[in-house]
Amino acid sequence: MSTSRPDSGDTSKARANSTVQPDDGTRQLLQWGGSMVGTGALAVMLLQTLLGGFSPTGASTNTGWFALIVALMCIPFGGLLLTLGVAKWLRNRRLGRKL
């Protein structure tokens, strides 16, 4: 009596054609990149409206300086994360169509 299954070769093809992609970090990159860009945009908006704005010499209040620092950290780094996430999403989408 044989213990091997007759359809054992078909399971690898079924796994390759499945629509569920492994978790490769794309969703996390998109989530964190979007949240960081959103945080930076919120900091800029608060700086302009509630925290006294800024001039060529910098912000006019201490909390304005804090908001400026948060914005200058979050927007570039979050933008890079978001760009990488979009690139990975597009690559995964293209690879999914080829299967």
Protein backbone atom coordinates (compact mmCIF):
# COMPACT_ATOMS: atom_id res chain seq x y z
CA MET A 1 0.00 0.00 0.00
CA SER A 2 1.50 3.34 -1.07
CA THR A 3 1.55 6.29 1.31
CA SER A 4 2.16 8.93 -1.37
CA ARG A 5 -0.79 10.81 -2.72
CA PRO A 6 -1.41 10.68 -6.45
CA ASP A 7 -2.07 14.42 -6.68
CA SER A 8 1.00 15.55 -4.72
CA GLY A 9 2.45 17.30 -7.79
CA ASP A 10 -0.69 19.40 -8.26
CA THR A 11 -0.52 21.04 -4.84
CA SER A 12 2.55 23.11 -5.73
CA LYS A 13 0.74 24.47 -8.79
CA ALA A 14 -2.32 25.28 -6.71
CA ARG A 15 -0.16 27.18 -4.23
CA ALA A 16 1.56 29.13 -7.00
CA ASN A 17 -1.77 30.13 -8.58
CA SER A 18 -3.43 31.16 -5.33
CA THR A 19 -4.37 34.81 -4.99
CA VAL A 20 -3.12 35.05 -1.41
CA GLN A 21 0.34 36.58 -1.41
CA PRO A 22 2.76 36.01 1.45
CA ASP A 23 3.22 38.88 3.85
CA ASP A 24 6.33 40.55 2.45
CA GLY A 25 5.97 43.84 4.32
CA THR A 26 4.21 45.81 1.59
CA ARG A 27 1.15 46.49 3.70
CA GLN A 28 3.28 47.65 6.62
CA LEU A 29 5.31 49.97 4.40
CA LEU A 30 2.13 51.52 3.02
CA GLN A 31 0.56 51.88 6.47
CA TRP A 32 3.58 53.37 8.20
CA GLY A 33 4.56 55.56 5.25
CA GLY A 34 1.05 56.95 4.96
CA SER A 35 0.76 57.55 8.69
CA MET A 36 4.13 59.31 8.83
CA VAL A 37 3.31 61.56 5.87
CA GLY A 38 -0.08 62.27 7.45
CA THR A 39 1.57 63.13 10.77
CA GLY A 40 3.99 65.48 9.04
CA ALA A 41 1.18 67.15 7.09
CA LEU A 42 -0.83 67.55 10.30
CA ALA A 43 2.19 69.11 12.03
CA VAL A 44 2.60 71.61 9.17
CA MET A 45 -1.10 72.45 9.22
CA LEU A 46 -1.06 72.98 12.99
CA LEU A 47 2.12 75.05 12.70
CA GLN A 48 0.53 77.34 10.14
CA THR A 49 -2.86 77.72 11.82
CA LEU A 50 -2.56 77.35 15.60
CA LEU A 51 1.10 77.55 16.53
CA GLY A 52 2.02 80.97 15.15
CA GLY A 53 3.36 80.05 11.73
CA PHE A 54 6.99 80.34 10.69
CA SER A 55 9.24 82.86 9.01
CA PRO A 56 12.62 82.59 7.25
CA THR A 57 14.24 82.56 10.71
CA GLY A 58 12.09 79.68 11.96
CA ALA A 59 8.96 79.15 14.03
CA SER A 60 7.70 81.85 16.39
CA THR A 61 6.83 79.67 19.41
CA ASN A 62 8.41 76.73 21.21
CA THR A 63 5.60 74.38 20.21
CA GLY A 64 5.91 75.73 16.69
CA TRP A 65 9.54 74.65 16.66
CA PHE A 66 8.51 71.20 17.85
CA ALA A 67 5.90 70.95 15.08
CA LEU A 68 8.49 72.09 12.53
CA ILE A 69 10.95 69.44 13.68
CA VAL A 70 8.26 66.73 13.54
CA ALA A 71 7.23 67.83 10.04
CA LEU A 72 10.82 67.93 8.78
CA MET A 73 11.43 64.42 10.10
CA CYS A 74 8.13 62.76 9.15
CA ILE A 75 7.52 64.07 5.64
CA PRO A 76 10.80 62.95 3.97
CA PHE A 77 11.13 59.62 5.77
CA GLY A 78 7.42 58.82 5.44
CA GLY A 79 7.58 59.76 1.78
CA LEU A 80 10.40 57.30 1.24
CA LEU A 81 8.51 54.53 3.03
CA LEU A 82 5.37 55.29 1.06
CA THR A 83 7.26 55.32 -2.24
CA LEU A 84 8.89 51.99 -1.45
CA GLY A 85 5.53 50.52 -0.45
CA VAL A 86 3.88 51.67 -3.68
CA ALA A 87 6.78 50.27 -5.72
CA LYS A 88 6.51 46.90 -3.97
CA TRP A 89 2.72 46.89 -4.41
CA LEU A 90 3.07 47.57 -8.14
CA ARG A 91 5.74 44.85 -8.45
CA ASN A 92 3.58 42.32 -6.59
CA ARG A 93 0.63 43.25 -8.78
CA ARG A 94 2.70 42.77 -11.94
CA LEU A 95 4.06 39.43 -10.72
CA GLY A 96 0.53 38.32 -9.79
CA ARG A 97 -0.67 38.90 -13.33
CA LYS A 98 2.13 36.81 -14.86
CA LEU A 99 1.10 33.68 -12.92
